Protein backbone atom coordinates (compact mmCIF):
# COMPACT_ATOMS: atom_id res chain seq x y z
CA MET A 1 20.63 8.07 -32.28
CA LYS A 2 18.17 9.40 -29.72
CA LYS A 3 17.34 7.08 -26.80
CA LYS A 4 13.70 6.33 -26.09
CA SER A 5 12.35 7.49 -22.80
CA LYS A 6 11.93 4.71 -20.25
CA ARG A 7 8.77 6.43 -19.02
CA ARG A 8 5.65 4.96 -20.56
CA GLN A 9 3.34 7.44 -22.20
CA ASP A 10 -0.31 7.64 -21.26
CA ASP A 11 -2.38 5.32 -23.48
CA LEU A 12 -5.59 7.29 -23.00
CA ARG A 13 -6.68 9.37 -25.91
CA PRO A 14 -8.21 12.81 -25.45
CA GLU A 15 -11.38 11.74 -27.29
CA TYR A 16 -12.34 9.26 -24.55
CA ASP A 17 -15.38 10.66 -22.76
CA PHE A 18 -15.70 8.86 -19.43
CA TRP A 19 -18.55 11.12 -18.34
CA SER A 20 -20.80 9.58 -21.00
CA LEU A 21 -20.32 6.02 -19.66
CA PRO A 22 -23.16 4.56 -17.59
CA ALA A 23 -22.62 4.45 -13.85
CA GLY A 24 -21.67 1.17 -12.22
CA VAL A 25 -24.15 -0.82 -10.15
CA LYS A 26 -23.30 -0.68 -6.45
CA GLY A 27 -23.21 -4.11 -4.80
CA LYS A 28 -23.63 -6.00 -8.09
CA HIS A 29 -21.40 -8.87 -6.98
CA VAL A 30 -21.75 -8.64 -3.20
CA ALA A 31 -23.85 -11.83 -2.84
CA GLN A 32 -21.30 -13.85 -4.80
CA TYR A 33 -18.46 -12.30 -2.80
CA ARG A 34 -20.08 -13.21 0.50
CA GLN A 35 -20.31 -16.86 -0.54
CA GLY A 36 -16.54 -16.98 -0.60
CA THR A 37 -14.21 -18.21 -3.25
CA ASN A 38 -13.02 -21.56 -4.49
CA LEU A 39 -9.89 -20.30 -6.22
CA VAL A 40 -6.52 -21.63 -5.17
CA LEU A 41 -3.03 -20.66 -6.25
CA LEU A 42 -0.91 -23.57 -7.39
CA ASP A 43 2.84 -23.56 -6.97
CA ARG A 44 4.71 -23.51 -10.27
CA ASP A 45 5.92 -27.10 -10.01
CA VAL A 46 2.36 -28.30 -9.39
CA ALA A 47 0.94 -26.15 -12.19
CA LYS A 48 3.37 -27.73 -14.65
CA VAL A 49 1.82 -31.14 -13.97
CA PHE A 50 -1.83 -30.08 -13.78
CA ARG A 51 -2.50 -28.03 -16.88
CA ASP A 52 -6.20 -27.38 -16.26
CA ASP A 53 -8.94 -27.59 -13.66
CA ALA A 54 -10.13 -30.99 -14.92
CA ALA A 55 -6.74 -32.55 -14.18
CA VAL A 56 -6.64 -31.06 -10.70
CA ASN A 57 -10.20 -32.19 -9.95
CA GLU A 58 -9.46 -35.73 -11.13
CA ALA A 59 -6.36 -35.95 -8.91
CA LEU A 60 -8.17 -34.57 -5.88
CA ARG A 61 -11.09 -36.99 -6.34
CA THR A 62 -8.60 -39.87 -6.48
CA VAL A 63 -7.05 -38.71 -3.22
CA MET A 64 -10.50 -38.33 -1.64
CA LYS A 65 -11.47 -41.89 -2.62
CA ALA A 66 -8.20 -43.28 -1.24
CA ALA A 67 -8.60 -41.34 2.00
CA ALA A 68 -12.16 -42.61 2.42
CA ARG A 69 -10.87 -46.20 2.37
CA LEU A 70 -8.42 -45.60 5.21
CA PRO A 71 -9.54 -46.52 8.70
CA ARG A 72 -10.38 -43.50 10.84
CA GLN A 73 -7.94 -42.83 13.65
CA THR A 74 -8.92 -41.08 16.85
CA ALA A 75 -6.61 -38.66 18.57
């Protein structure tokens, strides 16, 4: 039995004509990029508990409310 090559073959077909595609728009997302991002990477153990953004938001709002009730301490 012949072994399969471990090297992955190119998935592009010869009939794809990239020259006929419209050109991209330069700076299309630059304004949004400059505003920054609100994405965070959760550790795996945390992600197992919080399955979606709604669960994370609810937990963070609970923490924010609890923290607002604490007396402020000065350094």
